[in-house]
Amino acid sequence: MTQKIVHDLKELEHKGFQFEGAEGSFEILMKKALGKHRRFFELQGFRVIVEKRAEDEPPISEATIMIKVGERVEHTAALGNGPVNALDNALRKALEKLYPELKEVKLVDFKVRILSSIHGTKAATRVLIESQDHRDKWGTVGVSENIIQASWQALVDSIEYKLLKEH
């Protein structure tokens, strides 16, 4: 078991994951490896739209999300001050009815790192998110060539970590 965990960890680090400062993602990884991870929801799909209407106005970001919780499908949309904030708002809107404890979770820091500038805008991106509730702070990480996908991974880990702590 330990060898598999070390192997999986090395594979993820090779892809660009970094777990220093991402203890939430690390704990989820360990629970998955030990067969003790509980999925609280399942993504059915999401869409993010950023629209610029006028030169002197900020862009409008909208996220539409569909998730499944048990047999229940939640389909919702939300606005945000950027694509990641819109995704976060839509995910919370879908989940807070079922998990009201998520109302106390706040995203307090968001860091983006390009892992290899050789590939320019096609480079892998690492997103680190720091979240907190009334008791704790925790970090999560996502990695992808698509910054929205990397952000989604880190957002999901943040929400799942909170739910794992509470349930």
C-alpha atoms as a PDB file:
ATOM      1  CA  MET A   1       0.000   0.000   0.000  1.00  0.00           C
ATOM      2  CA  THR A   2       2.761   2.448   0.948  1.00  0.00           C
ATOM      3  CA  GLN A   3       4.594   1.777  -2.325  1.00  0.00           C
ATOM      4  CA  LYS A   4       1.437   2.542  -4.330  1.00  0.00           C
ATOM      5  CA  ILE A   5       0.927   5.818  -2.461  1.00  0.00           C
ATOM      6  CA  VAL A   6       4.546   6.858  -3.062  1.00  0.00           C
ATOM      7  CA  HIS A   7       4.262   5.872  -6.745  1.00  0.00           C
ATOM      8  CA  ASP A   8       1.014   7.853  -7.188  1.00  0.00           C
ATOM      9  CA  LEU A   9       2.498  10.839  -5.378  1.00  0.00           C
ATOM     10  CA  LYS A  10       5.590  10.822  -7.622  1.00  0.00           C
ATOM     11  CA  GLU A  11       3.388  10.570 -10.740  1.00  0.00           C
ATOM     12  CA  LEU A  12       1.324  13.562  -9.647  1.00  0.00           C
ATOM     13  CA  GLU A  13       4.427  15.584  -8.769  1.00  0.00           C
ATOM     14  CA  HIS A  14       5.853  14.752 -12.211  1.00  0.00           C
ATOM     15  CA  LYS A  15       2.665  16.253 -13.734  1.00  0.00           C
ATOM     16  CA  GLY A  16       3.210  19.435 -11.718  1.00  0.00           C
ATOM     17  CA  PHE A  17       1.259  18.862  -8.520  1.00  0.00           C
ATOM     18  CA  GLN A  18       2.864  20.219  -5.381  1.00  0.00           C
ATOM     19  CA  PHE A  19       1.421  19.314  -2.017  1.00  0.00           C
ATOM     20  CA  GLU A  20       3.330  21.724   0.215  1.00  0.00           C
ATOM     21  CA  GLY A  21       0.635  24.207   1.163  1.00  0.00           C
ATOM     22  CA  ALA A  22      -2.052  21.896  -0.261  1.00  0.00           C
ATOM     23  CA  GLU A  23      -2.767  19.703   2.755  1.00  0.00           C
ATOM     24  CA  GLY A  24      -6.430  19.407   1.801  1.00  0.00           C
ATOM     25  CA  SER A  25      -5.580  17.861  -1.571  1.00  0.00           C
ATOM     26  CA  PHE A  26      -2.942  15.658   0.061  1.00  0.00           C
ATOM     27  CA  GLU A  27      -5.407  14.307   2.628  1.00  0.00           C
ATOM     28  CA  ILE A  28      -7.949  13.572  -0.120  1.00  0.00           C
ATOM     29  CA  LEU A  29      -5.231  11.760  -2.095  1.00  0.00           C
ATOM     30  CA  MET A  30      -4.388   9.621   0.954  1.00  0.00           C
ATOM     31  CA  LYS A  31      -8.047   8.795   1.644  1.00  0.00           C
ATOM     32  CA  LYS A  32      -8.497   7.737  -1.992  1.00  0.00           C
ATOM     33  CA  ALA A  33      -5.408   5.511  -1.807  1.00  0.00           C
ATOM     34  CA  LEU A  34      -6.692   3.898   1.395  1.00  0.00           C
ATOM     35  CA  GLY A  35     -10.197   3.409  -0.007  1.00  0.00           C
ATOM     36  CA  LYS A  36     -11.639   5.766   2.619  1.00  0.00           C
ATOM     37  CA  HIS A  37     -12.655   8.631   0.350  1.00  0.00           C
ATOM     38  CA  ARG A  38     -16.297   9.607   0.147  1.00  0.00           C
ATOM     39  CA  ARG A  39     -17.628  11.427  -2.921  1.00  0.00           C
ATOM     40  CA  PHE A  40     -20.180  14.025  -1.939  1.00  0.00           C
ATOM     41  CA  PHE A  41     -21.071  15.014  -5.499  1.00  0.00           C
ATOM     42  CA  GLU A  42     -20.248  14.112  -9.075  1.00  0.00           C
ATOM     43  CA  LEU A  43     -19.671  16.598 -11.890  1.00  0.00           C
ATOM     44  CA  GLN A  44     -22.010  16.168 -14.842  1.00  0.00           C
ATOM     45  CA  GLY A  45     -20.581  19.214 -16.617  1.00  0.00           C
ATOM     46  CA  PHE A  46     -19.813  22.907 -16.445  1.00  0.00           C
ATOM     47  CA  ARG A  47     -19.551  25.841 -18.830  1.00  0.00           C
ATOM     48  CA  VAL A  48     -17.921  29.201 -18.231  1.00  0.00           C
ATOM     49  CA  ILE A  49     -18.611  32.267 -20.366  1.00  0.00           C
ATOM     50  CA  VAL A  50     -16.704  35.532 -20.192  1.00  0.00           C
ATOM     51  CA  GLU A  51     -18.336  38.347 -22.108  1.00  0.00           C
ATOM     52  CA  LYS A  52     -16.962  41.822 -22.762  1.00  0.00           C
ATOM     53  CA  ARG A  53     -19.753  44.210 -23.746  1.00  0.00           C
ATOM     54  CA  ALA A  54     -18.313  47.699 -23.689  1.00  0.00           C
ATOM     55  CA  GLU A  55     -14.787  49.057 -23.580  1.00  0.00           C
ATOM     56  CA  ASP A  56     -15.352  50.963 -20.335  1.00  0.00           C
ATOM     57  CA  GLU A  57     -17.143  48.101 -18.507  1.00  0.00           C
ATOM     58  CA  PRO A  58     -15.546  45.086 -16.816  1.00  0.00           C
ATOM     59  CA  PRO A  59     -16.158  41.667 -18.394  1.00  0.00           C
ATOM     60  CA  ILE A  60     -19.085  39.596 -17.148  1.00  0.00           C
ATOM     61  CA  SER A  61     -18.315  36.013 -16.073  1.00  0.00           C
ATOM     62  CA  GLU A  62     -21.016  33.369 -15.850  1.00  0.00           C
ATOM     63  CA  ALA A  63     -20.717  29.704 -14.916  1.00  0.00           C
ATOM     64  CA  THR A  64     -23.330  27.035 -15.473  1.00  0.00           C
ATOM     65  CA  ILE A  65     -22.860  23.783 -13.611  1.00  0.00           C
ATOM     66  CA  MET A  66     -24.585  20.423 -13.386  1.00  0.00           C
ATOM     67  CA  ILE A  67     -23.716  18.076 -10.538  1.00  0.00           C
ATOM     68  CA  LYS A  68     -25.212  14.907  -9.172  1.00  0.00           C
ATOM     69  CA  VAL A  69     -25.645  14.328  -5.434  1.00  0.00           C
ATOM     70  CA  GLY A  70     -26.898  10.797  -4.879  1.00  0.00           C
ATOM     71  CA  GLU A  71     -29.790  10.501  -7.321  1.00  0.00           C
ATOM     72  CA  ARG A  72     -30.496  14.238  -7.317  1.00  0.00           C
ATOM     73  CA  VAL A  73     -29.216  16.401 -10.196  1.00  0.00           C
ATOM     74  CA  GLU A  74     -28.540  20.062  -9.473  1.00  0.00           C
ATOM     75  CA  HIS A  75     -28.284  22.408 -12.454  1.00  0.00           C
ATOM     76  CA  THR A  76     -27.540  26.055 -11.706  1.00  0.00           C
ATOM     77  CA  ALA A  77     -25.783  29.179 -12.925  1.00  0.00           C
ATOM     78  CA  ALA A  78     -24.069  32.067 -11.196  1.00  0.00           C
ATOM     79  CA  LEU A  79     -22.165  35.245 -11.989  1.00  0.00           C
ATOM     80  CA  GLY A  80     -18.765  36.187 -10.623  1.00  0.00           C
ATOM     81  CA  ASN A  81     -16.065  38.808 -10.927  1.00  0.00           C
ATOM     82  CA  GLY A  82     -14.047  36.342 -12.996  1.00  0.00           C
ATOM     83  CA  PRO A  83     -14.445  32.809 -14.348  1.00  0.00           C
ATOM     84  CA  VAL A  84     -13.146  31.073 -11.211  1.00  0.00           C
ATOM     85  CA  ASN A  85     -15.336  33.163  -8.910  1.00  0.00           C
ATOM     86  CA  ALA A  86     -18.348  32.379 -11.132  1.00  0.00           C
ATOM     87  CA  LEU A  87     -17.546  28.640 -10.952  1.00  0.00           C
ATOM     88  CA  ASP A  88     -17.129  28.837  -7.187  1.00  0.00           C
ATOM     89  CA  ASN A  89     -20.453  30.695  -6.848  1.00  0.00           C
ATOM     90  CA  ALA A  90     -22.301  28.193  -9.058  1.00  0.00           C
ATOM     91  CA  LEU A  91     -20.858  25.186  -7.210  1.00  0.00           C
ATOM     92  CA  ARG A  92     -21.812  26.636  -3.831  1.00  0.00           C
ATOM     93  CA  LYS A  93     -25.286  27.560  -5.090  1.00  0.00           C
ATOM     94  CA  ALA A  94     -25.817  23.939  -6.119  1.00  0.00           C
ATOM     95  CA  LEU A  95     -24.408  22.414  -2.922  1.00  0.00           C
ATOM     96  CA  GLU A  96     -25.309  24.738  -0.041  1.00  0.00           C
ATOM     97  CA  LYS A  97     -28.932  23.527   0.009  1.00  0.00           C
ATOM     98  CA  LEU A  98     -27.685  20.028   0.757  1.00  0.00           C
ATOM     99  CA  TYR A  99     -24.575  20.935   2.748  1.00  0.00           C
ATOM    100  CA  PRO A 100     -25.298  24.214   4.595  1.00  0.00           C
ATOM    101  CA  GLU A 101     -21.916  24.061   6.352  1.00  0.00           C
ATOM    102  CA  LEU A 102     -20.351  25.206   3.058  1.00  0.00           C
ATOM    103  CA  LYS A 103     -21.755  28.700   3.681  1.00  0.00           C
ATOM    104  CA  GLU A 104     -18.923  29.325   6.153  1.00  0.00           C
ATOM    105  CA  VAL A 105     -16.139  28.435   3.677  1.00  0.00           C
ATOM    106  CA  LYS A 106     -14.296  31.390   2.179  1.00  0.00           C
ATOM    107  CA  LEU A 107     -11.668  31.365  -0.550  1.00  0.00           C
ATOM    108  CA  VAL A 108      -8.919  33.573   0.895  1.00  0.00           C
ATOM    109  CA  ASP A 109      -6.062  33.175  -1.606  1.00  0.00           C
ATOM    110  CA  PHE A 110      -5.704  32.089  -5.221  1.00  0.00           C
ATOM    111  CA  LYS A 111      -2.285  31.578  -6.827  1.00  0.00           C
ATOM    112  CA  VAL A 112      -1.506  30.610 -10.408  1.00  0.00           C
ATOM    113  CA  ARG A 113       1.864  29.320 -11.532  1.00  0.00           C
ATOM    114  CA  ILE A 114       2.912  28.503 -15.091  1.00  0.00           C
ATOM    115  CA  LEU A 115       4.991  25.321 -14.849  1.00  0.00           C
ATOM    116  CA  SER A 116       7.004  25.590 -18.061  1.00  0.00           C
ATOM    117  CA  SER A 117       7.101  28.776 -20.073  1.00  0.00           C
ATOM    118  CA  ILE A 118       8.556  26.895 -23.073  1.00  0.00           C
ATOM    119  CA  HIS A 119       5.029  26.038 -24.207  1.00  0.00           C
ATOM    120  CA  GLY A 120       3.664  29.587 -23.808  1.00  0.00           C
ATOM    121  CA  THR A 121      -0.103  29.678 -23.394  1.00  0.00           C
ATOM    122  CA  LYS A 122      -0.257  25.868 -23.785  1.00  0.00           C
ATOM    123  CA  ALA A 123       1.889  25.350 -20.669  1.00  0.00           C
ATOM    124  CA  ALA A 124       0.642  23.378 -17.697  1.00  0.00           C
ATOM    125  CA  THR A 125      -0.733  25.608 -14.959  1.00  0.00           C
ATOM    126  CA  ARG A 126      -0.773  24.948 -11.219  1.00  0.00           C
ATOM    127  CA  VAL A 127      -3.506  26.590  -9.169  1.00  0.00           C
ATOM    128  CA  LEU A 128      -3.213  26.779  -5.396  1.00  0.00           C
ATOM    129  CA  ILE A 129      -6.262  27.810  -3.404  1.00  0.00           C
ATOM    130  CA  GLU A 130      -6.324  28.653   0.278  1.00  0.00           C
ATOM    131  CA  SER A 131      -9.713  28.387   1.977  1.00  0.00           C
ATOM    132  CA  GLN A 132     -10.907  28.885   5.520  1.00  0.00           C
ATOM    133  CA  ASP A 133     -13.901  28.396   7.741  1.00  0.00           C
ATOM    134  CA  HIS A 134     -14.499  29.655  11.284  1.00  0.00           C
ATOM    135  CA  ARG A 135     -11.883  27.188  12.674  1.00  0.00           C
ATOM    136  CA  ASP A 136      -9.262  26.244  10.091  1.00  0.00           C
ATOM    137  CA  LYS A 137      -7.364  27.201   6.953  1.00  0.00           C
ATOM    138  CA  TRP A 138      -6.413  24.661   4.263  1.00  0.00           C
ATOM    139  CA  GLY A 139      -4.812  24.609   0.858  1.00  0.00           C
ATOM    140  CA  THR A 140      -5.706  22.668  -2.283  1.00  0.00           C
ATOM    141  CA  VAL A 141      -4.095  22.274  -5.690  1.00  0.00           C
ATOM    142  CA  GLY A 142      -5.071  21.615  -9.294  1.00  0.00           C
ATOM    143  CA  VAL A 143      -2.918  21.152 -12.403  1.00  0.00           C
ATOM    144  CA  SER A 144      -3.911  21.265 -16.062  1.00  0.00           C
ATOM    145  CA  GLU A 145      -3.007  22.902 -19.354  1.00  0.00           C
ATOM    146  CA  ASN A 146      -6.386  24.629 -18.974  1.00  0.00           C
ATOM    147  CA  ILE A 147      -6.418  27.186 -16.150  1.00  0.00           C
ATOM    148  CA  ILE A 148     -10.168  26.761 -15.615  1.00  0.00           C
ATOM    149  CA  GLN A 149      -9.772  22.976 -15.242  1.00  0.00           C
ATOM    150  CA  ALA A 150      -6.869  23.425 -12.807  1.00  0.00           C
ATOM    151  CA  SER A 151      -8.994  25.911 -10.837  1.00  0.00           C
ATOM    152  CA  TRP A 152     -11.938  23.492 -10.859  1.00  0.00           C
ATOM    153  CA  GLN A 153      -9.748  20.706  -9.424  1.00  0.00           C
ATOM    154  CA  ALA A 154      -8.556  22.946  -6.587  1.00  0.00           C
ATOM    155  CA  LEU A 155     -12.102  24.243  -5.916  1.00  0.00           C
ATOM    156  CA  VAL A 156     -13.532  20.715  -5.749  1.00  0.00           C
ATOM    157  CA  ASP A 157     -10.784  19.587  -3.375  1.00  0.00           C
ATOM    158  CA  SER A 158     -11.471  22.600  -1.156  1.00  0.00           C
ATOM    159  CA  ILE A 159     -15.188  21.790  -0.934  1.00  0.00           C
ATOM    160  CA  GLU A 160     -14.582  18.040  -0.501  1.00  0.00           C
ATOM    161  CA  TYR A 161     -12.007  18.650   2.225  1.00  0.00           C
ATOM    162  CA  LYS A 162     -14.494  20.771   4.180  1.00  0.00           C
ATOM    163  CA  LEU A 163     -17.189  18.108   3.776  1.00  0.00           C
ATOM    164  CA  LEU A 164     -14.764  15.336   4.820  1.00  0.00           C
ATOM    165  CA  LYS A 165     -13.953  17.288   7.993  1.00  0.00           C
ATOM    166  CA  GLU A 166     -17.645  17.699   8.825  1.00  0.00           C
ATOM    167  CA  HIS A 167     -19.008  14.227   7.954  1.00  0.00           C
END
